[in-house]
Amino acid sequence: MVAPVFTNEELEGLRCLPEIGREELFRFFTPTPADVAFESLTAVDILRELNATGAR
């Protein structure tokens, strides 16, 4: 049995939102170069950077 993710009231609220066009989807969900760089970091890279800066 699957539990519902949203209540009926929440679904109605979501249905009231305006439609999103293709250009808006691309603009808001296309990663920036900074996003890509951040996502490519590994845990080892992050720990190495933290150790180099002395962050705790």
Protein backbone atom coordinates (compact mmCIF):
# COMPACT_ATOMS: atom_id res chain seq x y z
CA MET A 1 0.00 0.00 0.00
CA VAL A 2 1.32 3.44 -0.93
CA ALA A 3 0.85 6.38 1.42
CA PRO A 4 -0.21 9.66 -0.21
CA VAL A 5 2.50 12.28 -0.50
CA PHE A 6 0.17 15.29 -0.48
CA THR A 7 -3.14 15.90 1.24
CA ASN A 8 -6.12 16.87 -0.92
CA GLU A 9 -5.77 20.47 0.28
CA GLU A 10 -2.10 20.56 -0.71
CA LEU A 11 -2.91 19.13 -4.14
CA GLU A 12 -5.54 21.83 -4.70
CA GLY A 13 -2.99 24.47 -3.74
CA LEU A 14 -0.49 23.04 -6.22
CA ARG A 15 -3.10 22.96 -8.98
CA CYS A 16 -3.71 26.69 -8.47
CA LEU A 17 -0.10 27.56 -9.35
CA PRO A 18 0.50 29.07 -12.81
CA GLU A 19 1.86 26.92 -15.60
CA ILE A 20 5.61 27.06 -16.15
CA GLY A 21 6.83 27.52 -19.71
CA ARG A 22 9.68 25.70 -21.37
CA GLU A 23 12.01 28.73 -21.20
CA GLU A 24 11.39 29.13 -17.47
CA LEU A 25 12.11 25.47 -16.86
CA PHE A 26 15.42 25.72 -18.68
CA ARG A 27 16.34 28.99 -16.97
CA PHE A 28 15.64 27.74 -13.44
CA PHE A 29 16.82 24.15 -13.75
CA THR A 30 19.93 24.43 -15.93
CA PRO A 31 23.00 24.22 -13.70
CA THR A 32 25.39 27.17 -13.73
CA PRO A 33 29.14 26.60 -14.07
CA ALA A 34 29.40 27.08 -10.28
CA ASP A 35 26.72 24.40 -9.74
CA VAL A 36 28.60 21.96 -11.96
CA ALA A 37 31.89 22.66 -10.18
CA PHE A 38 30.29 22.13 -6.77
CA GLU A 39 28.58 18.90 -7.83
CA SER A 40 31.84 17.50 -9.14
CA LEU A 41 33.53 17.79 -5.73
CA THR A 42 34.01 14.57 -3.85
CA ALA A 43 33.95 14.18 -0.10
CA VAL A 44 37.75 13.86 -0.20
CA ASP A 45 38.04 17.21 -2.02
CA ILE A 46 35.78 18.90 0.54
CA LEU A 47 37.69 17.45 3.51
CA ARG A 48 41.01 18.43 1.93
CA GLU A 49 39.77 22.01 1.47
CA LEU A 50 38.45 22.18 5.05
CA ASN A 51 41.77 20.92 6.41
CA ALA A 52 43.72 23.41 4.26
CA THR A 53 41.67 26.36 5.54
CA GLY A 54 41.67 25.19 9.14
CA ALA A 55 37.87 25.19 9.26
CA ARG A 56 36.27 23.19 12.01
